[in-house]
Amino acid sequence: MADVAKGARVLVVDDEDIVLRIVARILGPDGYSITTRSTVTEAIELLTSSKDAAPDVILTDLHLQDGTGLEILAAARAECPDAVTVVMSGRTTIGSAVEAMRSGAYDCLSKPFDDPQILSSAVGRALGHKRLLERNRYLEQRLGVTAGYEGLVGSTRAMREVISLVDTVAPTDANVLVQGESGTGKELVVRAIHDRSRRRDKPFVAINCGALTESLLESELFGHERGSFTGAATAHKGVFEQAAGGTIFLDEVGDLPLSTQVRLLRVIQEREVRSVGSNCPRPVDVRIVAATHRDLVANVAAGTFRQDLFYRLNVVVILVPPLRDRREDIPMLADHFLRKHAARHGRDVGQLSAGAIGLLTARDWPGNVRELENVIERAVVLSRGTIITETDFAHLVGGIPAPSTSQAGLASVPLARAKHDFERDYLARLLVEANGNFADAARIAGLDRSNLRRLLKRFEIEAEGEKD
């Protein structure tokens, strides 16, 4: 604990001198820098005047002579929004505890402290939560999430490679094939390519190739002439002409019927399109970016996807990793979605508890980023407080982590794969338990620091600056 607490500033507010002395005696050996105040007025004055040395953790009594700890909590949110507040009371009721949590308190403790470790652990958890939020904010700033990269959040090597490929290929006119499981964010990648291309001021037109019948699909792709089929009362421009000068996004291109694949191949080769019912080709200038969750190589081998079309679309391939293979990005993504949907729905929800982050990080997320965003949005909408905890996810995700590949279907995978997945999951959860702290993680694992660094490097997992 001392490694985590060293130098951390704790403001303790209580109108009983004996409580202030007891708290200082319990927390002092852990290395905290402790400041004490006896009244609401004194505490608020300190918070207002010491922004450059704001406390990391505020430990305040709920009932003070000149007011309540809720007033201090409100002042802290206004003056020192990064501080984490823990309230304590000798006459705590369920109602007062709920009110404090709804007002933004991280935890609520009862006095007297029968076991000093209860207080020490609570302040340690609060500090660990603050450090985790700071790390997420730092990583997001380092990644540079800006317009055009909205939603492409992550710092793992896999995501850095995706973004590097986007930056490299976007200025060209090369066709791009984006592959990945459903919900991984393939369309975000495609839009980022368009937004960084020379065609960014021209149309971006998307079509889902698996959502329409064959006849309707050809009409949407290539257009049709008036009277070319029953119901064609007027002429219609297809997406190739609608996107003139811009980008066409062929979503789920692996679902294209073979006959439509033939026509699409001709458009790509000849750079001209014939609408349904017309014999007059018209030139088109578009860039094609396609996406699919299917294995097109296997489809080519099975004869359900044309090899020549595959090569035309497959000039540059971008593989978007599933969320289970980049668990270290989950805290950053969760925080990103929390702020996004809190603003969208006008909810005063600003934090995820360490326990909530641990639960989210432990899951495999078969629906990937889309599923994670859905769960976070629902928690924001349904939350009754300013901090989302693991209990806010109990009815959404079952309250327990879904089994990973190292647990589910264990006997159906090779031993080396099972061992790899177990070690990766263990290290990810280890860092959550240690609040991202390297020294604590090494102690819990029973490893010396050099061996732990080697394992983290192998699995591309980052500790919090490897703080000792």
Protein backbone atom coordinates (compact mmCIF):
# COMPACT_ATOMS: atom_id res chain seq x y z
CA MET A 1 0.00 0.00 0.00
CA ALA A 2 2.85 2.36 0.80
CA ASP A 3 4.03 2.32 -2.83
CA VAL A 4 0.58 3.44 -4.00
CA ALA A 5 0.03 5.97 -1.21
CA LYS A 6 3.45 7.65 -1.14
CA GLY A 7 2.95 11.38 -1.53
CA ALA A 8 -0.81 11.13 -2.12
CA ARG A 9 -2.71 14.00 -0.48
CA VAL A 10 -5.60 13.17 1.83
CA LEU A 11 -7.88 15.82 3.34
CA VAL A 12 -9.60 14.61 6.54
CA VAL A 13 -12.59 16.61 7.82
CA ASP A 14 -14.11 15.85 11.23
CA ASP A 15 -15.20 18.00 14.19
CA GLU A 16 -13.74 15.55 16.75
CA ASP A 17 -10.01 15.95 17.40
CA ILE A 18 -9.69 12.33 18.51
CA VAL A 19 -11.02 11.12 15.14
CA LEU A 20 -8.52 13.32 13.29
CA ARG A 21 -5.67 11.87 15.40
CA ILE A 22 -6.84 8.28 14.89
CA VAL A 23 -7.13 8.69 11.13
CA ALA A 24 -3.68 10.30 10.96
CA ARG A 25 -2.22 7.45 13.03
CA ILE A 26 -3.82 4.80 10.75
CA LEU A 27 -2.96 6.41 7.41
CA GLY A 28 0.38 8.03 8.30
CA PRO A 29 2.52 4.89 8.08
CA ASP A 30 1.21 4.24 4.55
CA GLY A 31 2.96 7.38 3.31
CA TYR A 32 0.00 9.71 2.78
CA SER A 33 0.36 13.48 3.11
CA ILE A 34 -2.48 14.30 5.52
CA THR A 35 -4.24 17.63 6.02
CA THR A 36 -7.01 18.03 8.60
CA ARG A 37 -9.89 20.45 8.99
CA SER A 38 -12.68 20.63 11.61
CA THR A 39 -15.53 22.45 9.86
CA VAL A 40 -17.30 22.64 6.52
CA THR A 41 -16.24 26.27 6.17
CA GLU A 42 -12.55 25.49 6.70
CA ALA A 43 -12.66 22.55 4.30
CA ILE A 44 -14.35 24.49 1.51
CA GLU A 45 -11.91 27.39 2.01
CA LEU A 46 -9.02 24.95 1.59
CA LEU A 47 -10.52 23.37 -1.55
CA THR A 48 -11.09 26.80 -3.09
CA SER A 49 -7.62 28.17 -2.34
CA SER A 50 -5.45 25.11 -2.99
CA LYS A 51 -6.31 24.04 -6.53
CA ASP A 52 -2.63 23.56 -7.38
CA ALA A 53 -2.28 21.16 -4.45
CA ALA A 54 -5.77 19.67 -4.49
CA PRO A 55 -6.30 16.54 -2.38
CA ASP A 56 -6.32 13.18 -4.10
CA VAL A 57 -8.77 11.74 -1.56
CA ILE A 58 -11.20 13.57 0.74
CA LEU A 59 -12.29 11.71 3.90
CA THR A 60 -15.12 13.65 5.51
CA ASP A 61 -17.60 13.13 8.30
CA LEU A 62 -21.18 13.23 7.09
CA HIS A 63 -22.46 15.29 10.06
CA LEU A 64 -20.44 18.35 11.09
CA GLN A 65 -21.23 21.21 13.46
CA ASP A 66 -21.67 23.83 10.76
CA GLY A 67 -23.07 21.68 7.94
CA THR A 68 -22.75 18.29 6.24
CA GLY A 69 -20.18 16.38 4.31
CA LEU A 70 -22.45 16.66 1.27
CA GLU A 71 -21.61 20.36 1.11
CA ILE A 72 -17.92 19.49 1.05
CA LEU A 73 -18.59 16.89 -1.62
CA ALA A 74 -20.39 19.48 -3.78
CA ALA A 75 -17.54 21.97 -3.34
CA ALA A 76 -15.00 19.30 -4.24
CA ARG A 77 -16.83 18.48 -7.46
CA ALA A 78 -16.80 22.16 -8.40
CA GLU A 79 -13.27 23.05 -7.30
CA CYS A 80 -11.34 19.74 -7.39
CA PRO A 81 -13.28 17.41 -9.73
CA ASP A 82 -10.49 14.81 -9.78
CA ALA A 83 -10.59 14.29 -6.01
CA VAL A 84 -12.29 11.10 -4.79
CA THR A 85 -14.48 11.49 -1.70
CA VAL A 86 -15.14 8.93 1.04
CA VAL A 87 -17.74 9.88 3.67
CA MET A 88 -17.85 8.53 7.22
CA SER A 89 -20.39 8.77 10.01
CA GLY A 90 -21.06 7.44 13.46
CA ARG A 91 -24.78 7.24 12.72
CA THR A 92 -24.84 6.12 9.12
CA THR A 93 -28.19 4.88 7.84
CA ILE A 94 -28.97 3.25 4.53
CA GLY A 95 -30.73 6.42 3.46
CA SER A 96 -27.80 8.71 4.24
CA ALA A 97 -25.35 6.32 2.60
CA VAL A 98 -27.45 6.19 -0.56
CA GLU A 99 -27.75 9.99 -0.60
CA ALA A 100 -23.98 10.34 -0.26
CA MET A 101 -23.32 7.88 -3.09
CA ARG A 102 -25.85 9.60 -5.32
CA SER A 103 -24.10 12.88 -4.64
CA GLY A 104 -20.83 11.46 -5.91
CA ALA A 105 -19.16 9.85 -2.90
CA TYR A 106 -16.95 6.91 -3.80
CA ASP A 107 -17.51 5.02 -0.53
CA CYS A 108 -19.26 5.33 2.84
CA LEU A 109 -17.75 4.15 6.14
CA SER A 110 -19.15 3.73 9.64
CA LYS A 111 -17.37 5.05 12.74
CA PRO A 112 -15.77 3.97 14.97
CA PHE A 113 -13.25 1.94 12.97
CA ASP A 114 -13.22 -1.43 14.72
CA ASP A 115 -10.52 -2.59 12.33
CA PRO A 116 -7.99 0.05 11.15
CA GLN A 117 -7.54 -1.96 7.95
CA ILE A 118 -11.10 -1.04 6.90
CA LEU A 119 -10.15 2.64 6.76
CA SER A 120 -6.77 2.01 5.16
CA SER A 121 -8.29 -0.22 2.48
CA ALA A 122 -11.10 2.22 1.69
CA VAL A 123 -8.70 5.13 1.17
CA GLY A 124 -6.40 2.86 -0.85
CA ARG A 125 -9.26 1.81 -3.13
CA ALA A 126 -10.31 5.43 -3.60
CA LEU A 127 -6.77 6.42 -4.53
CA GLY A 128 -6.47 3.43 -6.86
CA HIS A 129 -9.70 4.49 -8.58
CA LYS A 130 -8.34 8.01 -9.07
CA ARG A 131 -5.09 6.66 -10.51
CA LEU A 132 -6.99 4.42 -12.91
CA LEU A 133 -9.10 7.32 -14.20
CA GLU A 134 -5.96 9.44 -14.62
CA ARG A 135 -4.29 6.65 -16.57
CA ASN A 136 -7.29 6.28 -18.89
CA ARG A 137 -7.36 10.02 -19.51
CA TYR A 138 -3.63 10.06 -20.23
CA LEU A 139 -3.88 7.15 -22.66
CA GLU A 140 -6.80 8.74 -24.48
CA GLN A 141 -4.90 12.03 -24.81
CA ARG A 142 -1.79 10.18 -25.98
CA LEU A 143 -3.79 8.33 -28.59
CA GLY A 144 -5.22 11.62 -29.84
CA VAL A 145 -8.90 10.68 -30.19
CA THR A 146 -10.13 13.47 -32.47
CA ALA A 147 -12.73 14.05 -35.16
CA GLY A 148 -12.39 11.31 -37.75
CA TYR A 149 -11.21 8.80 -35.15
CA GLU A 150 -14.37 8.97 -33.05
CA GLY A 151 -14.77 5.61 -31.34
CA LEU A 152 -11.41 4.22 -32.48
CA VAL A 153 -10.15 4.21 -28.92
CA GLY A 154 -7.28 2.05 -27.73
CA SER A 155 -3.58 1.91 -26.95
CA THR A 156 -2.79 -1.77 -27.53
CA ARG A 157 -0.40 -2.70 -30.30
CA ALA A 158 -3.24 -4.15 -32.39
CA MET A 159 -5.17 -0.87 -32.34
CA ARG A 160 -2.05 1.20 -32.97
CA GLU A 161 -1.44 -0.92 -36.07
CA VAL A 162 -5.02 -0.36 -37.26
CA ILE A 163 -4.70 3.42 -36.88
CA SER A 164 -1.27 3.41 -38.51
CA LEU A 165 -2.69 1.56 -41.52
CA VAL A 166 -5.59 4.02 -41.74
CA ASP A 167 -3.17 6.94 -41.78
CA THR A 168 -1.03 5.25 -44.44
CA VAL A 169 -3.74 4.13 -46.84
CA ALA A 170 -6.23 7.01 -46.46
CA PRO A 171 -4.46 9.52 -48.75
CA THR A 172 -4.33 6.97 -51.59
CA ASP A 173 -7.12 5.66 -53.82
CA ALA A 174 -6.38 2.00 -53.07
CA ASN A 175 -9.34 -0.28 -52.42
CA VAL A 176 -9.40 -1.45 -48.80
CA LEU A 177 -10.93 -4.55 -47.23
CA VAL A 178 -11.72 -4.22 -43.51
CA GLN A 179 -12.17 -7.55 -41.75
CA GLY A 180 -13.27 -8.35 -38.22
CA GLU A 181 -16.04 -9.84 -36.12
CA SER A 182 -19.41 -8.14 -35.84
CA GLY A 183 -19.33 -5.18 -33.49
CA THR A 184 -15.59 -4.54 -33.61
CA GLY A 185 -15.96 -1.12 -35.25
CA LYS A 186 -15.29 -1.83 -38.92
CA GLU A 187 -17.47 1.06 -40.09
CA LEU A 188 -15.55 3.45 -37.82
CA VAL A 189 -12.37 2.37 -39.58
CA VAL A 190 -13.97 2.92 -42.99
CA ARG A 191 -15.21 6.39 -42.04
CA ALA A 192 -11.78 7.29 -40.69
CA ILE A 193 -10.27 6.32 -44.07
CA HIS A 194 -12.76 8.54 -45.92
CA ASP A 195 -12.33 11.45 -43.49
CA ARG A 196 -8.57 11.43 -44.06
CA SER A 197 -8.67 10.97 -47.82
CA ARG A 198 -8.61 13.55 -50.59
CA ARG A 199 -12.26 12.61 -51.16
CA ARG A 200 -13.36 13.73 -47.68
CA ASP A 201 -15.40 16.65 -49.09
CA LYS A 202 -17.26 14.31 -51.46
CA PRO A 203 -20.09 11.87 -50.60
CA PHE A 204 -19.67 8.87 -48.35
CA VAL A 205 -22.34 6.31 -49.29
CA ALA A 206 -22.81 3.02 -47.42
CA ILE A 207 -24.83 -0.03 -48.43
CA ASN A 208 -25.34 -3.28 -46.54
CA CYS A 209 -24.89 -6.04 -49.11
CA GLY A 210 -26.60 -8.63 -46.92
CA ALA A 211 -29.74 -6.68 -46.13
CA LEU A 212 -31.43 -6.66 -49.57
CA THR A 213 -32.74 -9.19 -52.06
CA GLU A 214 -30.63 -9.72 -55.17
CA SER A 215 -32.83 -7.58 -57.45
CA LEU A 216 -33.10 -4.73 -55.00
CA LEU A 217 -29.39 -4.89 -54.28
CA GLU A 218 -28.47 -4.51 -57.96
CA SER A 219 -30.87 -1.59 -58.26
CA GLU A 220 -29.31 0.09 -55.21
CA LEU A 221 -25.77 -0.55 -56.41
CA PHE A 222 -26.07 0.25 -60.10
CA GLY A 223 -29.37 2.15 -60.39
CA HIS A 224 -32.26 1.39 -62.77
CA GLU A 225 -34.11 2.96 -65.65
CA ARG A 226 -37.76 3.84 -65.62
CA GLY A 227 -39.88 0.82 -66.55
CA SER A 228 -36.96 -1.63 -66.27
CA PHE A 229 -39.01 -3.81 -63.91
CA THR A 230 -42.43 -3.82 -62.30
CA GLY A 231 -42.71 -0.87 -59.95
CA ALA A 232 -39.86 1.13 -61.52
CA ALA A 233 -41.98 4.23 -62.10
CA THR A 234 -38.98 6.55 -62.23
CA ALA A 235 -35.28 6.28 -62.96
CA HIS A 236 -33.02 5.78 -59.96
CA LYS A 237 -29.30 6.46 -59.51
CA GLY A 238 -27.36 3.71 -57.77
CA VAL A 239 -24.77 4.28 -55.07
CA PHE A 240 -21.91 4.33 -57.59
CA GLU A 241 -23.38 7.46 -59.15
CA GLN A 242 -24.59 8.88 -55.83
CA ALA A 243 -21.04 8.68 -54.49
CA ALA A 244 -19.44 10.37 -57.50
CA GLY A 245 -15.97 11.57 -56.50
CA GLY A 246 -16.35 10.10 -53.01
CA THR A 247 -16.28 6.75 -51.22
CA ILE A 248 -18.57 3.71 -51.39
CA PHE A 249 -18.70 1.50 -48.31
CA LEU A 250 -19.77 -2.05 -49.20
CA ASP A 251 -20.70 -3.46 -45.81
CA GLU A 252 -20.87 -7.26 -45.47
CA VAL A 253 -19.52 -7.67 -48.98
CA GLY A 254 -19.12 -11.39 -48.29
CA ASP A 255 -22.91 -11.75 -48.59
CA LEU A 256 -23.03 -10.60 -52.23
CA PRO A 257 -24.76 -13.09 -54.59
CA LEU A 258 -22.44 -14.52 -57.26
CA SER A 259 -24.34 -12.85 -60.12
CA THR A 260 -23.98 -9.45 -58.44
CA GLN A 261 -20.30 -10.15 -57.84
CA VAL A 262 -19.86 -10.46 -61.62
CA ARG A 263 -21.44 -7.04 -62.25
CA LEU A 264 -19.48 -5.43 -59.40
CA LEU A 265 -16.21 -6.81 -60.77
CA ARG A 266 -16.95 -5.27 -64.16
CA VAL A 267 -17.67 -1.86 -62.60
CA ILE A 268 -14.36 -1.98 -60.73
CA GLN A 269 -12.39 -3.06 -63.81
CA GLU A 270 -14.01 -0.75 -66.37
CA ARG A 271 -14.74 2.17 -64.01
CA GLU A 272 -18.15 2.51 -65.57
CA VAL A 273 -21.63 1.44 -64.55
CA ARG A 274 -24.69 0.26 -66.44
CA SER A 275 -27.98 0.74 -64.62
CA VAL A 276 -30.59 -2.02 -64.71
CA GLY A 277 -32.49 -1.76 -67.99
CA SER A 278 -29.84 0.36 -69.77
CA ASN A 279 -27.21 -0.48 -72.37
CA CYS A 280 -25.41 2.85 -72.00
CA PRO A 281 -22.40 2.72 -69.65
CA ARG A 282 -21.62 5.82 -67.60
CA PRO A 283 -18.14 6.55 -66.16
CA VAL A 284 -17.79 6.56 -62.37
CA ASP A 285 -15.04 7.88 -60.12
CA VAL A 286 -15.34 6.34 -56.67
CA ARG A 287 -13.17 4.70 -54.08
CA ILE A 288 -14.35 1.34 -52.76
CA VAL A 289 -13.88 0.30 -49.15
CA ALA A 290 -15.48 -3.03 -48.24
CA ALA A 291 -15.99 -4.80 -44.92
CA THR A 292 -17.01 -8.27 -43.84
CA HIS A 293 -17.03 -10.55 -40.83
CA ARG A 294 -16.68 -13.59 -43.11
CA ASP A 295 -13.48 -15.43 -44.02
CA LEU A 296 -13.33 -14.55 -47.72
CA VAL A 297 -10.37 -16.84 -48.35
CA ALA A 298 -12.51 -19.76 -47.17
CA ASN A 299 -15.44 -18.48 -49.25
CA VAL A 300 -13.24 -18.35 -52.35
CA ALA A 301 -12.13 -21.93 -51.70
CA ALA A 302 -15.78 -22.95 -51.28
CA GLY A 303 -16.76 -21.25 -54.53
CA THR A 304 -19.16 -18.75 -52.93
CA PHE A 305 -16.97 -15.71 -53.57
CA ARG A 306 -15.15 -14.93 -56.81
CA GLN A 307 -11.38 -15.02 -56.57
CA ASP A 308 -10.89 -12.19 -59.08
CA LEU A 309 -13.25 -9.92 -57.13
CA PHE A 310 -11.48 -10.84 -53.90
CA TYR A 311 -8.17 -9.69 -55.34
CA ARG A 312 -9.75 -6.43 -56.56
CA LEU A 313 -11.12 -5.61 -53.12
CA ASN A 314 -8.19 -7.03 -51.18
CA VAL A 315 -5.55 -4.47 -52.21
CA VAL A 316 -5.00 -3.44 -48.58
CA VAL A 317 -6.42 -5.44 -45.66
CA ILE A 318 -7.10 -3.98 -42.23
CA LEU A 319 -7.88 -6.51 -39.49
CA VAL A 320 -9.89 -5.07 -36.59
CA PRO A 321 -9.21 -7.17 -33.46
CA PRO A 322 -12.03 -8.50 -31.26
CA LEU A 323 -12.36 -6.88 -27.86
CA ARG A 324 -11.31 -10.04 -26.00
CA ASP A 325 -7.89 -9.73 -27.67
CA ARG A 326 -7.41 -6.15 -26.44
CA ARG A 327 -8.80 -6.21 -22.92
CA GLU A 328 -6.38 -3.49 -21.84
CA ASP A 329 -8.44 -1.05 -23.95
CA ILE A 330 -11.69 -1.79 -22.13
CA PRO A 331 -11.25 0.77 -19.28
CA MET A 332 -10.49 3.49 -21.84
CA LEU A 333 -13.42 2.50 -24.05
CA ALA A 334 -15.77 2.30 -21.08
CA ASP A 335 -14.78 5.79 -19.93
CA HIS A 336 -15.18 7.11 -23.49
CA PHE A 337 -18.70 5.67 -23.79
CA LEU A 338 -19.59 6.83 -20.27
CA ARG A 339 -18.82 10.46 -21.11
CA LYS A 340 -20.43 10.18 -24.54
CA HIS A 341 -23.76 8.87 -23.29
CA ALA A 342 -23.82 10.93 -20.09
CA ALA A 343 -23.67 14.02 -22.31
CA ARG A 344 -26.17 12.59 -24.78
CA HIS A 345 -28.78 11.75 -22.14
CA GLY A 346 -28.06 14.70 -19.85
CA ARG A 347 -27.07 12.46 -16.93
CA ASP A 348 -24.69 13.55 -14.19
CA VAL A 349 -22.66 10.35 -14.26
CA GLY A 350 -18.92 10.84 -14.33
CA GLN A 351 -17.11 7.76 -13.05
CA LEU A 352 -16.86 3.99 -13.13
CA SER A 353 -15.82 2.31 -9.90
CA ALA A 354 -12.74 0.10 -9.83
CA GLY A 355 -15.01 -2.90 -9.27
CA ALA A 356 -17.09 -2.03 -12.32
CA ILE A 357 -13.99 -1.68 -14.47
CA GLY A 358 -12.71 -5.00 -13.19
CA LEU A 359 -15.98 -6.73 -14.09
CA LEU A 360 -16.03 -5.20 -17.58
CA THR A 361 -12.39 -6.10 -18.20
CA ALA A 362 -12.93 -9.72 -17.22
CA ARG A 363 -15.65 -10.38 -19.80
CA ASP A 364 -15.09 -11.76 -23.30
CA TRP A 365 -17.70 -9.49 -25.01
CA PRO A 366 -18.96 -11.68 -27.88
CA GLY A 367 -20.67 -8.57 -29.30
CA ASN A 368 -17.37 -6.68 -29.03
CA VAL A 369 -17.26 -2.87 -28.81
CA ARG A 370 -20.90 -2.53 -29.87
CA GLU A 371 -22.01 -4.69 -26.93
CA LEU A 372 -19.79 -2.82 -24.48
CA GLU A 373 -21.19 0.53 -25.61
CA ASN A 374 -24.75 -0.78 -25.26
CA VAL A 375 -24.10 -1.97 -21.71
CA ILE A 376 -22.48 1.34 -20.72
CA GLU A 377 -25.33 3.37 -22.22
CA ARG A 378 -27.94 1.34 -20.35
CA ALA A 379 -26.01 1.75 -17.11
CA VAL A 380 -25.81 5.52 -17.64
CA VAL A 381 -29.55 5.73 -18.28
CA LEU A 382 -30.52 3.53 -15.30
CA SER A 383 -27.90 4.68 -12.78
CA ARG A 384 -29.20 6.55 -9.74
CA GLY A 385 -25.86 7.99 -8.71
CA THR A 386 -22.88 9.79 -10.18
CA ILE A 387 -20.63 6.73 -9.96
CA ILE A 388 -21.42 3.50 -11.80
CA THR A 389 -20.51 0.43 -9.76
CA GLU A 390 -20.55 -3.29 -10.50
CA THR A 391 -24.09 -3.49 -9.11
CA ASP A 392 -25.25 -1.29 -12.01
CA PHE A 393 -24.20 -4.11 -14.35
CA ALA A 394 -25.66 -7.02 -12.37
CA HIS A 395 -28.96 -7.15 -14.31
CA LEU A 396 -27.26 -6.33 -17.59
CA VAL A 397 -24.38 -8.79 -17.69
CA GLY A 398 -25.39 -11.31 -15.05
CA GLY A 399 -23.10 -9.83 -12.42
CA ILE A 400 -20.29 -12.30 -13.16
CA PRO A 401 -17.62 -12.42 -15.85
CA ALA A 402 -18.36 -14.51 -18.89
CA PRO A 403 -15.95 -17.42 -19.32
CA SER A 404 -12.95 -16.81 -21.54
CA THR A 405 -11.51 -19.26 -24.01
CA SER A 406 -9.32 -20.56 -21.20
CA GLN A 407 -12.47 -21.68 -19.33
CA ALA A 408 -15.26 -22.22 -21.88
CA GLY A 409 -14.76 -25.28 -24.06
CA LEU A 410 -11.43 -25.90 -22.37
CA ALA A 411 -10.97 -29.38 -23.75
CA SER A 412 -11.63 -28.23 -27.31
CA VAL A 413 -8.50 -26.05 -27.63
CA PRO A 414 -4.81 -27.02 -27.73
CA LEU A 415 -2.98 -26.98 -24.39
CA ALA A 416 -0.65 -24.19 -25.56
CA ARG A 417 -3.62 -21.97 -26.49
CA ALA A 418 -5.40 -22.68 -23.19
CA LYS A 419 -2.25 -21.86 -21.24
CA HIS A 420 -1.70 -18.67 -23.24
CA ASP A 421 -5.29 -17.47 -22.68
CA PHE A 422 -5.20 -18.29 -18.97
CA GLU A 423 -1.95 -16.40 -18.41
CA ARG A 424 -3.18 -13.38 -20.40
CA ASP A 425 -6.49 -13.27 -18.48
CA TYR A 426 -4.71 -13.75 -15.16
CA LEU A 427 -2.32 -10.86 -15.78
CA ALA A 428 -5.12 -8.55 -16.94
CA ARG A 429 -7.18 -9.31 -13.82
CA LEU A 430 -4.07 -9.09 -11.64
CA LEU A 431 -3.52 -5.48 -12.69
CA VAL A 432 -7.18 -4.70 -12.00
CA GLU A 433 -6.86 -6.16 -8.49
CA ALA A 434 -3.66 -4.15 -7.95
CA ASN A 435 -5.33 -0.98 -9.28
CA GLY A 436 -2.81 -0.91 -12.12
CA ASN A 437 0.17 -0.70 -9.73
CA PHE A 438 3.24 -2.66 -10.84
CA ALA A 439 4.80 -3.27 -7.41
CA ASP A 440 1.55 -4.53 -5.87
CA ALA A 441 0.91 -6.77 -8.88
CA ALA A 442 4.37 -8.36 -8.52
CA ARG A 443 3.77 -8.97 -4.81
CA ILE A 444 0.34 -10.56 -5.38
CA ALA A 445 1.66 -12.80 -8.16
CA GLY A 446 4.70 -13.88 -6.13
CA LEU A 447 7.04 -12.86 -8.96
CA ASP A 448 10.11 -10.72 -8.98
CA ARG A 449 9.72 -7.53 -10.98
CA SER A 450 11.92 -8.55 -13.90
CA ASN A 451 9.84 -11.69 -14.54
CA LEU A 452 6.58 -9.76 -14.28
CA ARG A 453 7.87 -7.15 -16.75
CA ARG A 454 8.80 -9.94 -19.16
CA LEU A 455 5.32 -11.49 -18.94
CA LEU A 456 3.54 -8.17 -19.37
CA LYS A 457 5.66 -7.39 -22.42
CA ARG A 458 4.91 -10.80 -23.95
CA PHE A 459 1.15 -10.26 -23.61
CA GLU A 460 1.33 -6.54 -24.53
CA ILE A 461 -0.16 -5.47 -21.20
CA GLU A 462 0.83 -2.14 -19.69
CA ALA A 463 1.13 -1.52 -15.95
CA GLU A 464 0.52 1.99 -14.67
CA GLY A 465 3.88 3.40 -15.69
CA GLU A 466 5.40 0.41 -13.82
CA LYS A 467 5.29 2.42 -10.61
CA ASP A 468 7.20 0.88 -7.73
